[in-house]
Amino acid sequence: MERIQSEEQYQELINGDRLTVIKFDTNWCPDCKNLDRFIGDVIDKHQDKQFFALDAEKFLTIAEQNQVRGIPSLLVFKDGEKIAHLHSKWAKTPTQISDYLETLESKQ
């Protein structure tokens, strides 16, 4: 999964007309590392969305603006709006994440 490198890149991605899933994480988070073990399968199942990762500590202002309180969190954007936020508590398994992403099909 490509990692967001700048605020400009983040802005460009969230303003797109495609569903963009951003995984907010850190390099020290055990749950983030666990998610990394299976996120590839989730991405393969949801080819209609684009996926990126963002370091919540490096981009603290972005994390705060989006009310990211726990990591990993998956936020979904389209046309400049946050349309979904899957908190870390509900992002523990591939099934939880895939089921949640499938509920967004109508927002495409």
N, C-alpha and C. Protein backbone atom coordinates (compact mmCIF):
# COMPACT_ATOMS: atom_id res chain seq x y z
N MET A 1 0.85 -1.17 0.00
CA MET A 1 0.00 0.00 0.00
C MET A 1 0.90 1.24 0.00
N GLU A 2 0.61 2.13 -0.91
CA GLU A 2 1.42 3.35 -1.00
C GLU A 2 1.18 4.24 0.21
N ARG A 3 2.26 4.85 0.69
CA ARG A 3 2.21 5.73 1.85
C ARG A 3 2.14 7.18 1.38
N ILE A 4 1.25 7.94 1.97
CA ILE A 4 1.12 9.37 1.66
C ILE A 4 2.35 10.09 2.19
N GLN A 5 2.94 10.93 1.34
CA GLN A 5 4.20 11.59 1.67
C GLN A 5 4.07 13.07 2.01
N SER A 6 2.93 13.68 1.69
CA SER A 6 2.80 15.12 1.93
C SER A 6 1.33 15.50 2.13
N GLU A 7 1.12 16.67 2.72
CA GLU A 7 -0.24 17.17 2.88
C GLU A 7 -0.87 17.45 1.52
N GLU A 8 -0.06 17.89 0.57
CA GLU A 8 -0.56 18.15 -0.78
C GLU A 8 -1.07 16.87 -1.43
N GLN A 9 -0.32 15.79 -1.28
CA GLN A 9 -0.75 14.51 -1.83
C GLN A 9 -2.06 14.07 -1.17
N TYR A 10 -2.13 14.22 0.15
CA TYR A 10 -3.35 13.87 0.89
C TYR A 10 -4.54 14.64 0.33
N GLN A 11 -4.39 15.96 0.17
CA GLN A 11 -5.49 16.79 -0.34
C GLN A 11 -5.92 16.36 -1.74
N GLU A 12 -4.96 16.07 -2.57
CA GLU A 12 -5.26 15.64 -3.93
C GLU A 12 -6.05 14.33 -3.92
N LEU A 13 -5.65 13.41 -3.07
CA LEU A 13 -6.32 12.11 -3.00
C LEU A 13 -7.75 12.23 -2.49
N ILE A 14 -7.95 12.98 -1.41
CA ILE A 14 -9.30 13.04 -0.82
C ILE A 14 -10.26 13.83 -1.69
N ASN A 15 -9.74 14.69 -2.56
CA ASN A 15 -10.60 15.49 -3.42
C ASN A 15 -10.98 14.78 -4.72
N GLY A 16 -10.48 13.58 -4.90
CA GLY A 16 -10.79 12.82 -6.11
C GLY A 16 -12.22 12.30 -6.11
N ASP A 17 -12.67 11.84 -7.28
CA ASP A 17 -14.04 11.36 -7.41
C ASP A 17 -14.15 9.84 -7.21
N ARG A 18 -13.07 9.23 -6.81
CA ARG A 18 -13.04 7.78 -6.52
C ARG A 18 -13.00 7.58 -5.01
N LEU A 19 -13.63 6.52 -4.52
CA LEU A 19 -13.55 6.22 -3.09
C LEU A 19 -12.09 5.95 -2.73
N THR A 20 -11.60 6.70 -1.76
CA THR A 20 -10.21 6.60 -1.33
C THR A 20 -10.19 6.20 0.14
N VAL A 21 -9.60 5.05 0.41
CA VAL A 21 -9.48 4.53 1.78
C VAL A 21 -8.08 4.86 2.27
N ILE A 22 -8.02 5.56 3.41
CA ILE A 22 -6.73 5.90 4.00
C ILE A 22 -6.62 5.23 5.36
N LYS A 23 -5.57 4.44 5.50
CA LYS A 23 -5.30 3.75 6.77
C LYS A 23 -4.39 4.66 7.59
N PHE A 24 -4.92 5.17 8.69
CA PHE A 24 -4.12 5.97 9.62
C PHE A 24 -3.44 5.01 10.57
N ASP A 25 -2.10 5.10 10.65
CA ASP A 25 -1.34 4.17 11.47
C ASP A 25 -0.09 4.85 12.01
N THR A 26 0.74 4.08 12.70
CA THR A 26 2.08 4.50 13.12
C THR A 26 2.99 3.29 12.96
N ASN A 27 4.29 3.52 13.03
CA ASN A 27 5.22 2.40 12.85
C ASN A 27 5.41 1.57 14.11
N TRP A 28 4.89 2.00 15.25
CA TRP A 28 5.07 1.26 16.50
C TRP A 28 3.81 0.53 16.95
N CYS A 29 2.72 0.66 16.24
CA CYS A 29 1.41 0.15 16.66
C CYS A 29 1.26 -1.34 16.35
N PRO A 30 1.07 -2.19 17.38
CA PRO A 30 0.92 -3.63 17.14
C PRO A 30 -0.32 -3.97 16.31
N ASP A 31 -1.45 -3.30 16.56
CA ASP A 31 -2.65 -3.58 15.78
C ASP A 31 -2.47 -3.18 14.31
N CYS A 32 -1.67 -2.14 14.07
CA CYS A 32 -1.38 -1.72 12.69
C CYS A 32 -0.59 -2.81 11.97
N LYS A 33 0.39 -3.38 12.66
CA LYS A 33 1.19 -4.44 12.07
C LYS A 33 0.33 -5.67 11.78
N ASN A 34 -0.61 -5.96 12.67
CA ASN A 34 -1.53 -7.07 12.45
C ASN A 34 -2.39 -6.81 11.21
N LEU A 35 -2.91 -5.60 11.09
CA LEU A 35 -3.72 -5.24 9.94
C LEU A 35 -2.91 -5.37 8.64
N ASP A 36 -1.64 -5.00 8.69
CA ASP A 36 -0.78 -5.09 7.51
C ASP A 36 -0.65 -6.52 7.00
N ARG A 37 -0.83 -7.51 7.89
CA ARG A 37 -0.70 -8.91 7.48
C ARG A 37 -1.79 -9.34 6.51
N PHE A 38 -2.98 -8.70 6.60
CA PHE A 38 -4.08 -9.14 5.74
C PHE A 38 -4.70 -8.04 4.88
N ILE A 39 -4.22 -6.82 4.99
CA ILE A 39 -4.85 -5.73 4.23
C ILE A 39 -4.73 -5.95 2.72
N GLY A 40 -3.68 -6.63 2.28
CA GLY A 40 -3.53 -6.91 0.85
C GLY A 40 -4.71 -7.70 0.29
N ASP A 41 -5.21 -8.66 1.07
CA ASP A 41 -6.37 -9.45 0.64
C ASP A 41 -7.61 -8.57 0.54
N VAL A 42 -7.75 -7.65 1.48
CA VAL A 42 -8.89 -6.72 1.47
C VAL A 42 -8.81 -5.83 0.23
N ILE A 43 -7.63 -5.32 -0.05
CA ILE A 43 -7.43 -4.46 -1.22
C ILE A 43 -7.77 -5.22 -2.50
N ASP A 44 -7.32 -6.47 -2.59
CA ASP A 44 -7.61 -7.29 -3.78
C ASP A 44 -9.11 -7.47 -3.98
N LYS A 45 -9.84 -7.55 -2.89
CA LYS A 45 -11.29 -7.76 -2.94
C LYS A 45 -12.05 -6.48 -3.30
N HIS A 46 -11.41 -5.34 -3.12
CA HIS A 46 -12.08 -4.04 -3.32
C HIS A 46 -11.31 -3.20 -4.34
N GLN A 47 -11.18 -3.73 -5.54
CA GLN A 47 -10.43 -3.07 -6.60
C GLN A 47 -11.05 -1.75 -7.04
N ASP A 48 -12.31 -1.53 -6.70
CA ASP A 48 -13.00 -0.30 -7.09
C ASP A 48 -12.61 0.89 -6.22
N LYS A 49 -11.83 0.64 -5.19
CA LYS A 49 -11.38 1.70 -4.28
C LYS A 49 -9.86 1.82 -4.36
N GLN A 50 -9.35 3.00 -4.02
CA GLN A 50 -7.90 3.13 -3.93
C GLN A 50 -7.52 3.22 -2.45
N PHE A 51 -6.40 2.61 -2.10
CA PHE A 51 -5.97 2.49 -0.72
C PHE A 51 -4.60 3.15 -0.53
N PHE A 52 -4.49 3.89 0.59
CA PHE A 52 -3.23 4.53 0.95
C PHE A 52 -3.06 4.45 2.46
N ALA A 53 -1.82 4.62 2.90
CA ALA A 53 -1.52 4.66 4.34
C ALA A 53 -0.99 6.04 4.68
N LEU A 54 -1.26 6.47 5.91
CA LEU A 54 -0.81 7.78 6.39
C LEU A 54 -0.35 7.64 7.83
N ASP A 55 0.85 8.12 8.12
CA ASP A 55 1.40 8.07 9.48
C ASP A 55 0.70 9.13 10.33
N ALA A 56 -0.08 8.68 11.31
CA ALA A 56 -0.88 9.59 12.13
C ALA A 56 -0.03 10.49 13.01
N GLU A 57 1.20 10.09 13.30
CA GLU A 57 2.09 10.96 14.09
C GLU A 57 2.77 11.99 13.20
N LYS A 58 3.20 11.57 12.04
CA LYS A 58 3.87 12.49 11.11
C LYS A 58 2.90 13.57 10.64
N PHE A 59 1.65 13.18 10.43
CA PHE A 59 0.61 14.11 9.97
C PHE A 59 -0.45 14.27 11.06
N LEU A 60 -0.01 14.70 12.22
CA LEU A 60 -0.88 14.82 13.39
C LEU A 60 -2.05 15.76 13.14
N THR A 61 -1.82 16.86 12.46
CA THR A 61 -2.90 17.81 12.19
C THR A 61 -4.00 17.16 11.36
N ILE A 62 -3.63 16.39 10.36
CA ILE A 62 -4.62 15.70 9.53
C ILE A 62 -5.39 14.69 10.38
N ALA A 63 -4.69 13.96 11.22
CA ALA A 63 -5.34 12.98 12.10
C ALA A 63 -6.33 13.69 13.03
N GLU A 64 -5.92 14.80 13.61
CA GLU A 64 -6.79 15.54 14.52
C GLU A 64 -8.00 16.11 13.79
N GLN A 65 -7.79 16.66 12.60
CA GLN A 65 -8.90 17.21 11.82
C GLN A 65 -9.95 16.15 11.50
N ASN A 66 -9.50 14.92 11.38
CA ASN A 66 -10.41 13.82 11.04
C ASN A 66 -10.86 13.02 12.26
N GLN A 67 -10.56 13.52 13.43
CA GLN A 67 -10.97 12.90 14.69
C GLN A 67 -10.53 11.45 14.80
N VAL A 68 -9.29 11.20 14.40
CA VAL A 68 -8.70 9.87 14.55
C VAL A 68 -8.27 9.74 16.00
N ARG A 69 -8.95 8.88 16.74
CA ARG A 69 -8.69 8.71 18.17
C ARG A 69 -7.95 7.41 18.48
N GLY A 70 -7.98 6.49 17.54
CA GLY A 70 -7.32 5.21 17.73
C GLY A 70 -6.73 4.76 16.41
N ILE A 71 -5.68 3.96 16.50
CA ILE A 71 -5.05 3.45 15.29
C ILE A 71 -4.96 1.93 15.38
N PRO A 72 -5.06 1.26 14.26
CA PRO A 72 -5.32 1.81 12.94
C PRO A 72 -6.78 2.23 12.79
N SER A 73 -7.01 3.24 12.01
CA SER A 73 -8.36 3.66 11.62
C SER A 73 -8.38 3.77 10.11
N LEU A 74 -9.48 3.35 9.53
CA LEU A 74 -9.66 3.45 8.08
C LEU A 74 -10.70 4.52 7.80
N LEU A 75 -10.29 5.54 7.08
CA LEU A 75 -11.19 6.62 6.71
C LEU A 75 -11.39 6.58 5.21
N VAL A 76 -12.61 6.86 4.80
CA VAL A 76 -12.95 6.81 3.38
C VAL A 76 -13.39 8.20 2.94
N PHE A 77 -12.80 8.65 1.84
CA PHE A 77 -13.07 9.99 1.31
C PHE A 77 -13.53 9.90 -0.14
N LYS A 78 -14.31 10.91 -0.52
CA LYS A 78 -14.70 11.08 -1.92
C LYS A 78 -15.11 12.53 -2.12
N ASP A 79 -14.64 13.13 -3.19
CA ASP A 79 -14.99 14.51 -3.52
C ASP A 79 -14.75 15.48 -2.37
N GLY A 80 -13.67 15.26 -1.62
CA GLY A 80 -13.29 16.17 -0.55
C GLY A 80 -14.00 15.97 0.77
N GLU A 81 -14.86 14.97 0.85
CA GLU A 81 -15.61 14.72 2.09
C GLU A 81 -15.23 13.37 2.69
N LYS A 82 -15.16 13.35 4.02
CA LYS A 82 -15.01 12.07 4.71
C LYS A 82 -16.39 11.45 4.77
N ILE A 83 -16.53 10.28 4.16
CA ILE A 83 -17.85 9.65 4.11
C ILE A 83 -17.95 8.44 5.04
N ALA A 84 -16.82 8.00 5.58
CA ALA A 84 -16.86 6.85 6.49
C ALA A 84 -15.60 6.83 7.35
N HIS A 85 -15.74 6.25 8.54
CA HIS A 85 -14.62 6.17 9.49
C HIS A 85 -14.78 4.85 10.25
N LEU A 86 -13.89 3.92 9.96
CA LEU A 86 -13.89 2.63 10.66
C LEU A 86 -12.82 2.69 11.74
N HIS A 87 -13.26 2.78 12.98
CA HIS A 87 -12.36 2.89 14.13
C HIS A 87 -11.63 1.58 14.35
N SER A 88 -10.47 1.68 14.96
CA SER A 88 -9.60 0.53 15.20
C SER A 88 -10.32 -0.63 15.89
N LYS A 89 -11.25 -0.32 16.75
CA LYS A 89 -11.99 -1.37 17.48
C LYS A 89 -12.72 -2.31 16.51
N TRP A 90 -13.14 -1.78 15.36
CA TRP A 90 -13.91 -2.57 14.40
C TRP A 90 -13.09 -2.96 13.18
N ALA A 91 -11.78 -2.79 13.24
CA ALA A 91 -10.91 -3.10 12.09
C ALA A 91 -9.89 -4.17 12.45
N LYS A 92 -10.34 -5.22 13.09
CA LYS A 92 -9.43 -6.26 13.58
C LYS A 92 -9.28 -7.45 12.64
N THR A 93 -10.28 -7.67 11.78
CA THR A 93 -10.23 -8.85 10.91
C THR A 93 -10.53 -8.46 9.46
N PRO A 94 -10.10 -9.29 8.51
CA PRO A 94 -10.42 -9.00 7.10
C PRO A 94 -11.93 -8.94 6.86
N THR A 95 -12.67 -9.81 7.53
CA THR A 95 -14.12 -9.84 7.34
C THR A 95 -14.76 -8.54 7.83
N GLN A 96 -14.36 -8.06 9.00
CA GLN A 96 -14.91 -6.80 9.51
C GLN A 96 -14.68 -5.66 8.52
N ILE A 97 -13.48 -5.58 7.99
CA ILE A 97 -13.14 -4.49 7.09
C ILE A 97 -13.87 -4.64 5.75
N SER A 98 -13.86 -5.83 5.18
CA SER A 98 -14.53 -6.04 3.89
C SER A 98 -16.03 -5.79 4.00
N ASP A 99 -16.64 -6.30 5.06
CA ASP A 99 -18.08 -6.09 5.24
C ASP A 99 -18.39 -4.60 5.34
N TYR A 100 -17.56 -3.87 6.06
CA TYR A 100 -17.77 -2.43 6.21
C TYR A 100 -17.62 -1.73 4.86
N LEU A 101 -16.58 -2.06 4.12
CA LEU A 101 -16.34 -1.41 2.83
C LEU A 101 -17.47 -1.72 1.84
N GLU A 102 -18.06 -2.89 1.95
CA GLU A 102 -19.16 -3.24 1.06
C GLU A 102 -20.39 -2.38 1.33
N THR A 103 -20.55 -1.87 2.53
CA THR A 103 -21.68 -0.99 2.83
C THR A 103 -21.54 0.35 2.11
N LEU A 104 -20.36 0.65 1.60
CA LEU A 104 -20.12 1.94 0.94
C LEU A 104 -20.40 1.89 -0.55
N GLU A 105 -20.77 0.75 -1.07
CA GLU A 105 -20.96 0.60 -2.52
C GLU A 105 -21.92 1.65 -3.07
N SER A 106 -22.95 1.99 -2.32
CA SER A 106 -23.95 2.95 -2.81
C SER A 106 -23.41 4.39 -2.86
N LYS A 107 -22.28 4.63 -2.23
CA LYS A 107 -21.73 5.99 -2.18
C LYS A 107 -20.76 6.26 -3.32
N GLN A 108 -20.61 5.31 -4.22
CA GLN A 108 -19.66 5.50 -5.32
C GLN A 108 -20.21 6.37 -6.35
